[in-house]
C-alpha atoms as a PDB file:
ATOM      1  CA  MET A   1      -4.687   2.591   6.863  1.00  0.00           C
ATOM      2  CA  THR A   2      -4.744   0.853   2.813  1.00  0.00           C
ATOM      3  CA  GLY A   3      -2.758   2.214   0.073  1.00  0.00           C
ATOM      4  CA  ALA A   4      -3.246   2.286  -3.458  1.00  0.00           C
ATOM      5  CA  ASP A   5      -1.729  -1.351  -3.477  1.00  0.00           C
ATOM      6  CA  GLY A   6      -3.051  -2.593  -0.292  1.00  0.00           C
ATOM      7  CA  ALA A   7      -0.019  -3.126   1.453  1.00  0.00           C
ATOM      8  CA  THR A   8      -0.206  -1.037   4.955  1.00  0.00           C
ATOM      9  CA  SER A   9       0.564  -1.750   8.475  1.00  0.00           C
ATOM     10  CA  ALA A  10      -1.728   0.661  11.337  1.00  0.00           C
ATOM     11  CA  ASP A  11       1.086   1.344  14.138  1.00  0.00           C
ATOM     12  CA  GLY A  12       4.207   3.424  12.541  1.00  0.00           C
ATOM     13  CA  VAL A  13       6.189   6.440  12.480  1.00  0.00           C
ATOM     14  CA  GLY A  14       4.850   7.572   9.434  1.00  0.00           C
ATOM     15  CA  VAL A  15       6.538   9.703   6.963  1.00  0.00           C
ATOM     16  CA  ASP A  16       6.685  13.620   6.658  1.00  0.00           C
ATOM     17  CA  ALA A  17       7.280  13.202   2.408  1.00  0.00           C
ATOM     18  CA  PRO A  18       6.963  10.554  -0.158  1.00  0.00           C
ATOM     19  CA  VAL A  19       9.307   7.978  -0.016  1.00  0.00           C
ATOM     20  CA  VAL A  20       9.981   6.517  -3.292  1.00  0.00           C
ATOM     21  CA  VAL A  21      12.320   3.669  -4.416  1.00  0.00           C
ATOM     22  CA  ILE A  22      13.830   3.669  -7.653  1.00  0.00           C
ATOM     23  CA  GLY A  23      16.253   1.315  -9.306  1.00  0.00           C
ATOM     24  CA  PRO A  24      17.216  -1.061 -12.021  1.00  0.00           C
ATOM     25  CA  MET A  25      15.097  -3.914 -12.641  1.00  0.00           C
ATOM     26  CA  GLY A  26      15.418  -6.928 -10.299  1.00  0.00           C
ATOM     27  CA  ALA A  27      16.835  -4.365  -7.673  1.00  0.00           C
ATOM     28  CA  GLY A  28      13.914  -5.672  -5.263  1.00  0.00           C
ATOM     29  CA  LYS A  29      12.320  -2.240  -5.434  1.00  0.00           C
ATOM     30  CA  SER A  30       8.543  -3.637  -4.643  1.00  0.00           C
ATOM     31  CA  SER A  31       9.983  -6.541  -2.181  1.00  0.00           C
ATOM     32  CA  VAL A  32      11.684  -3.865  -0.237  1.00  0.00           C
ATOM     33  CA  GLY A  33       9.080  -0.878  -0.559  1.00  0.00           C
ATOM     34  CA  LYS A  34       6.376  -3.161   0.688  1.00  0.00           C
ATOM     35  CA  ARG A  35       8.334  -3.858   3.993  1.00  0.00           C
ATOM     36  CA  VAL A  36       9.241  -0.510   4.875  1.00  0.00           C
ATOM     37  CA  ALA A  37       5.466   1.014   4.265  1.00  0.00           C
ATOM     38  CA  LYS A  38       4.682  -1.766   6.429  1.00  0.00           C
ATOM     39  CA  ALA A  39       7.591  -0.700   9.151  1.00  0.00           C
ATOM     40  CA  LEU A  40       6.631   3.003   9.058  1.00  0.00           C
ATOM     41  CA  GLY A  41       2.612   2.108   9.104  1.00  0.00           C
ATOM     42  CA  VAL A  42       2.150   4.175   5.790  1.00  0.00           C
ATOM     43  CA  PRO A  43       0.564   3.301   2.228  1.00  0.00           C
ATOM     44  CA  PHE A  44       2.134   1.118   0.111  1.00  0.00           C
ATOM     45  CA  THR A  45       1.951   1.649  -3.934  1.00  0.00           C
ATOM     46  CA  ASP A  46       3.636  -0.079  -6.574  1.00  0.00           C
ATOM     47  CA  THR A  47       3.012   1.554 -10.141  1.00  0.00           C
ATOM     48  CA  ASP A  48       3.513  -0.998 -11.732  1.00  0.00           C
ATOM     49  CA  ARG A  49       0.776  -2.990 -10.327  1.00  0.00           C
ATOM     50  CA  VAL A  50      -1.441   0.192 -10.449  1.00  0.00           C
ATOM     51  CA  ILE A  51      -0.735   0.337 -14.337  1.00  0.00           C
ATOM     52  CA  ALA A  52      -1.430  -3.170 -15.069  1.00  0.00           C
ATOM     53  CA  ARG A  53      -4.676  -3.042 -12.962  1.00  0.00           C
ATOM     54  CA  GLU A  54      -6.138  -0.262 -14.675  1.00  0.00           C
ATOM     55  CA  HIS A  55      -4.801  -0.771 -18.320  1.00  0.00           C
ATOM     56  CA  GLY A  56      -3.875  -4.264 -18.253  1.00  0.00           C
ATOM     57  CA  PRO A  57      -0.545  -6.133 -18.837  1.00  0.00           C
ATOM     58  CA  ILE A  58       2.306  -3.966 -18.956  1.00  0.00           C
ATOM     59  CA  PRO A  59       3.939  -6.151 -22.021  1.00  0.00           C
ATOM     60  CA  GLY A  60       0.462  -5.968 -23.911  1.00  0.00           C
ATOM     61  CA  ILE A  61       0.663  -2.087 -23.187  1.00  0.00           C
ATOM     62  CA  PHE A  62       4.497  -2.014 -24.810  1.00  0.00           C
ATOM     63  CA  ALA A  63       3.350  -4.497 -27.792  1.00  0.00           C
ATOM     64  CA  GLU A  64       0.311  -2.481 -28.500  1.00  0.00           C
ATOM     65  CA  ARG A  65       1.258   1.086 -27.880  1.00  0.00           C
ATOM     66  CA  GLY A  66       4.475   1.427 -27.174  1.00  0.00           C
ATOM     67  CA  GLU A  67       7.074   2.406 -24.965  1.00  0.00           C
ATOM     68  CA  PRO A  68       6.210   5.966 -25.158  1.00  0.00           C
ATOM     69  CA  ALA A  69       2.227   5.596 -24.170  1.00  0.00           C
ATOM     70  CA  PHE A  70       3.417   3.461 -21.353  1.00  0.00           C
ATOM     71  CA  ARG A  71       5.864   5.891 -19.950  1.00  0.00           C
ATOM     72  CA  GLU A  72       2.786   8.387 -19.811  1.00  0.00           C
ATOM     73  CA  LEU A  73       0.624   5.880 -17.880  1.00  0.00           C
ATOM     74  CA  GLU A  74       3.280   5.519 -15.691  1.00  0.00           C
ATOM     75  CA  ALA A  75       3.891   9.386 -15.078  1.00  0.00           C
ATOM     76  CA  ALA A  76       0.081   9.786 -14.271  1.00  0.00           C
ATOM     77  CA  ALA A  77       0.380   6.807 -11.949  1.00  0.00           C
ATOM     78  CA  VAL A  78       3.327   8.377  -9.858  1.00  0.00           C
ATOM     79  CA  ARG A  79       1.645  11.883  -9.720  1.00  0.00           C
ATOM     80  CA  SER A  80      -1.000   9.716  -8.330  1.00  0.00           C
ATOM     81  CA  ALA A  81       0.703   7.753  -5.715  1.00  0.00           C
ATOM     82  CA  LEU A  82       3.086  10.987  -4.801  1.00  0.00           C
ATOM     83  CA  ALA A  83      -0.426  12.177  -2.932  1.00  0.00           C
ATOM     84  CA  THR A  84      -0.440   9.275  -0.504  1.00  0.00           C
ATOM     85  CA  ALA A  85       2.430  10.386   1.098  1.00  0.00           C
ATOM     86  CA  GLY A  86       3.443   6.559   1.619  1.00  0.00           C
ATOM     87  CA  VAL A  87       6.112   4.506  -0.069  1.00  0.00           C
ATOM     88  CA  ILE A  88       6.091   4.668  -3.726  1.00  0.00           C
ATOM     89  CA  ALA A  89       8.193   1.766  -5.812  1.00  0.00           C
ATOM     90  CA  VAL A  90       8.190   2.379  -9.507  1.00  0.00           C
ATOM     91  CA  GLY A  91       9.439   1.067 -12.218  1.00  0.00           C
ATOM     92  CA  GLY A  92      12.889   0.876 -13.537  1.00  0.00           C
ATOM     93  CA  GLY A  93      12.715   3.095 -16.327  1.00  0.00           C
ATOM     94  CA  ALA A  94       9.730   5.614 -14.560  1.00  0.00           C
ATOM     95  CA  VAL A  95      12.862   8.313 -14.425  1.00  0.00           C
ATOM     96  CA  THR A  96      13.360   8.465 -18.061  1.00  0.00           C
ATOM     97  CA  HIS A  97      10.358  10.476 -18.424  1.00  0.00           C
ATOM     98  CA  PRO A  98      10.660  14.643 -17.702  1.00  0.00           C
ATOM     99  CA  GLU A  99       7.320  14.632 -16.099  1.00  0.00           C
ATOM    100  CA  THR A 100       8.082  11.684 -13.632  1.00  0.00           C
ATOM    101  CA  ARG A 101      11.396  13.306 -12.538  1.00  0.00           C
ATOM    102  CA  ALA A 102       9.776  17.060 -11.952  1.00  0.00           C
ATOM    103  CA  ALA A 103       7.172  15.147 -10.084  1.00  0.00           C
ATOM    104  CA  LEU A 104       9.601  13.509  -7.691  1.00  0.00           C
ATOM    105  CA  VAL A 105      10.770  17.059  -6.477  1.00  0.00           C
ATOM    106  CA  GLY A 106       9.979  16.978  -2.912  1.00  0.00           C
ATOM    107  CA  ALA A 107      10.045  13.136  -2.266  1.00  0.00           C
ATOM    108  CA  ARG A 108      12.702  11.253  -0.280  1.00  0.00           C
ATOM    109  CA  ILE A 109      14.335   9.240  -3.296  1.00  0.00           C
ATOM    110  CA  VAL A 110      16.081   5.641  -1.862  1.00  0.00           C
ATOM    111  CA  LEU A 111      17.814   3.752  -5.019  1.00  0.00           C
ATOM    112  CA  LEU A 112      18.111   0.111  -4.988  1.00  0.00           C
ATOM    113  CA  THR A 113      21.260  -1.286  -6.823  1.00  0.00           C
ATOM    114  CA  VAL A 114      22.110  -4.852  -7.464  1.00  0.00           C
ATOM    115  CA  SER A 115      24.752  -6.584  -9.480  1.00  0.00           C
ATOM    116  CA  PRO A 116      24.414  -8.566 -12.581  1.00  0.00           C
ATOM    117  CA  GLU A 117      25.359 -11.795 -10.889  1.00  0.00           C
ATOM    118  CA  ALA A 118      22.740 -11.291  -8.325  1.00  0.00           C
ATOM    119  CA  VAL A 119      19.861 -10.048 -10.632  1.00  0.00           C
ATOM    120  CA  ALA A 120      20.499 -13.366 -13.181  1.00  0.00           C
ATOM    121  CA  ALA A 121      18.245 -15.379 -10.951  1.00  0.00           C
ATOM    122  CA  ARG A 122      15.826 -12.629 -10.467  1.00  0.00           C
ATOM    123  CA  ILE A 123      15.089 -12.189 -13.755  1.00  0.00           C
ATOM    124  CA  ALA A 124      15.185 -15.408 -15.075  1.00  0.00           C
ATOM    125  CA  GLY A 125      11.718 -15.927 -16.391  1.00  0.00           C
ATOM    126  CA  SER A 126      10.938 -12.796 -16.658  1.00  0.00           C
ATOM    127  CA  ASP A 127       8.226 -11.209 -19.175  1.00  0.00           C
ATOM    128  CA  ARG A 128       9.493  -7.686 -18.574  1.00  0.00           C
ATOM    129  CA  PRO A 129       9.151  -6.215 -21.831  1.00  0.00           C
ATOM    130  CA  LEU A 130      12.737  -4.313 -22.267  1.00  0.00           C
ATOM    131  CA  LEU A 131      14.207  -7.952 -21.656  1.00  0.00           C
ATOM    132  CA  ALA A 132      12.564  -9.907 -24.507  1.00  0.00           C
ATOM    133  CA  GLN A 133      15.135 -10.265 -26.586  1.00  0.00           C
ATOM    134  CA  GLY A 134      18.731  -9.754 -24.583  1.00  0.00           C
ATOM    135  CA  GLY A 135      18.222 -11.150 -21.178  1.00  0.00           C
ATOM    136  CA  LEU A 136      21.063 -10.270 -19.388  1.00  0.00           C
ATOM    137  CA  ASP A 137      22.988  -8.331 -21.372  1.00  0.00           C
ATOM    138  CA  ALA A 138      19.687  -6.198 -22.346  1.00  0.00           C
ATOM    139  CA  TRP A 139      19.144  -5.530 -18.284  1.00  0.00           C
ATOM    140  CA  GLN A 140      22.860  -4.348 -18.464  1.00  0.00           C
ATOM    141  CA  THR A 141      22.830  -2.068 -21.219  1.00  0.00           C
ATOM    142  CA  ILE A 142      19.449  -0.546 -19.782  1.00  0.00           C
ATOM    143  CA  ALA A 143      20.896   0.063 -16.284  1.00  0.00           C
ATOM    144  CA  ASP A 144      24.329   1.285 -17.621  1.00  0.00           C
ATOM    145  CA  GLU A 145      21.959   4.248 -19.224  1.00  0.00           C
ATOM    146  CA  ARG A 146      20.101   4.896 -16.490  1.00  0.00           C
ATOM    147  CA  ALA A 147      22.730   5.005 -13.768  1.00  0.00           C
ATOM    148  CA  ALA A 148      23.408   8.488 -14.252  1.00  0.00           C
ATOM    149  CA  THR A 149      20.201   9.504 -13.602  1.00  0.00           C
ATOM    150  CA  TYR A 150      19.510   7.229 -10.586  1.00  0.00           C
ATOM    151  CA  ALA A 151      22.525   8.682  -9.081  1.00  0.00           C
ATOM    152  CA  GLU A 152      21.373  11.979  -9.617  1.00  0.00           C
ATOM    153  CA  LEU A 153      17.447  11.803  -8.154  1.00  0.00           C
ATOM    154  CA  ALA A 154      19.004   9.179  -5.354  1.00  0.00           C
ATOM    155  CA  HIS A 155      19.087  10.573  -1.583  1.00  0.00           C
ATOM    156  CA  ALA A 156      20.402   7.406  -0.459  1.00  0.00           C
ATOM    157  CA  THR A 157      21.604   4.290  -1.903  1.00  0.00           C
ATOM    158  CA  PHE A 158      21.372   0.987  -0.367  1.00  0.00           C
ATOM    159  CA  ASP A 159      22.570  -2.655  -2.419  1.00  0.00           C
ATOM    160  CA  THR A 160      20.165  -5.348  -2.573  1.00  0.00           C
ATOM    161  CA  SER A 161      23.141  -7.765  -4.166  1.00  0.00           C
ATOM    162  CA  ARG A 162      23.836 -10.198  -1.416  1.00  0.00           C
ATOM    163  CA  ARG A 163      22.141  -8.857   1.906  1.00  0.00           C
ATOM    164  CA  PRO A 164      19.085 -10.385   3.726  1.00  0.00           C
ATOM    165  CA  MET A 165      16.379  -8.216   2.486  1.00  0.00           C
ATOM    166  CA  SER A 166      15.607  -7.755   6.268  1.00  0.00           C
ATOM    167  CA  HIS A 167      18.758  -5.773   6.400  1.00  0.00           C
ATOM    168  CA  VAL A 168      18.359  -3.528   3.454  1.00  0.00           C
ATOM    169  CA  VAL A 169      14.508  -2.732   4.930  1.00  0.00           C
ATOM    170  CA  ARG A 170      15.868  -2.278   8.060  1.00  0.00           C
ATOM    171  CA  ASP A 171      18.797   0.431   6.661  1.00  0.00           C
ATOM    172  CA  VAL A 172      15.723   2.197   4.840  1.00  0.00           C
ATOM    173  CA  VAL A 173      13.511   2.446   7.778  1.00  0.00           C
ATOM    174  CA  ALA A 174      16.615   3.783   9.864  1.00  0.00           C
ATOM    175  CA  TRP A 175      17.566   6.601   7.158  1.00  0.00           C
ATOM    176  CA  VAL A 176      14.126   7.795   6.491  1.00  0.00           C
ATOM    177  CA  THR A 177      13.309   8.408  10.181  1.00  0.00           C
ATOM    178  CA  GLY A 178      16.684   9.750  10.575  1.00  0.00           C
ATOM    179  CA  GLN A 179      15.951  11.933   7.943  1.00  0.00           C
ATOM    180  CA  GLN A 180      12.667  13.110   9.123  1.00  0.00           C
ATOM    181  CA  ALA A 181      14.357  13.867  12.457  1.00  0.00           C
ATOM    182  CA  THR A 182      17.144  15.699  10.878  1.00  0.00           C
ATOM    183  CA  SER A 183      14.246  17.592   9.149  1.00  0.00           C
ATOM    184  CA  ALA A 184      12.732  18.619  12.058  1.00  0.00           C
ATOM    185  CA  THR A 185      15.705  20.295  13.421  1.00  0.00           C
ATOM    186  CA  GLY A 186      16.237  22.367  10.134  1.00  0.00           C
ATOM    187  CA  THR A 187      19.599  20.527   9.030  1.00  0.00           C
ATOM    188  CA  ALA A 188      19.968  19.780   5.188  1.00  0.00           C
ATOM    189  CA  ARG A 189      19.345  16.336   3.651  1.00  0.00           C
ATOM    190  CA  GLY A 190      22.422  14.790   2.812  1.00  0.00           C
ATOM    191  CA  THR A 191      23.080  11.518   0.681  1.00  0.00           C
ATOM    192  CA  THR A 192      23.748   8.529   1.727  1.00  0.00           C
ATOM    193  CA  THR A 193      25.623   4.962   0.185  1.00  0.00           C
ATOM    194  CA  GLY A 194      25.388   1.892   1.624  1.00  0.00           C
ATOM    195  CA  GLY A 195      24.367  -0.038   5.109  1.00  0.00           C
ATOM    196  CA  THR A 196      25.595  -2.637   7.828  1.00  0.00           C
ATOM    197  CA  PRO A 197      25.625  -6.216   6.902  1.00  0.00           C
END
């Protein structure tokens, strides 16, 4: 099976609802999401890559058309990706758009968090438009502004600051499969935080 971004595996457990990975810039959404999709055997979509492929580099979109225009393109990419019923990694600011938040209803939403110390190395040399002038200080401001929205939307939260990616992926996969088993028995979906080292 091949997803919108071409990263899938054939033999997995599948998903009964789209799994959407949200979180601040540099939290590892694309890296974790791709591996979770492979483990589950479902399509993977990175909406930033879809937008770049269809409309050109994201820094150019911000520079030429502005952030509101980018968020509209992003909302459309998210809606399209949700139809794959796979794993979707969305941009850090996707949840700031009302249409995107509305589209996420019914999805299983995984929040990845990361400390400022851990993210510093990850965003070094980044061409992310919203960090162009402020670096780590800008990252912290943006992360703080979005934190409440992330927390409101998330069904499960996993920190990626110091844990091996393989452990984060393992825990996300375990959570997704556990949620599906819970749904099959009709038990209400709860909120999870953490993961074992």
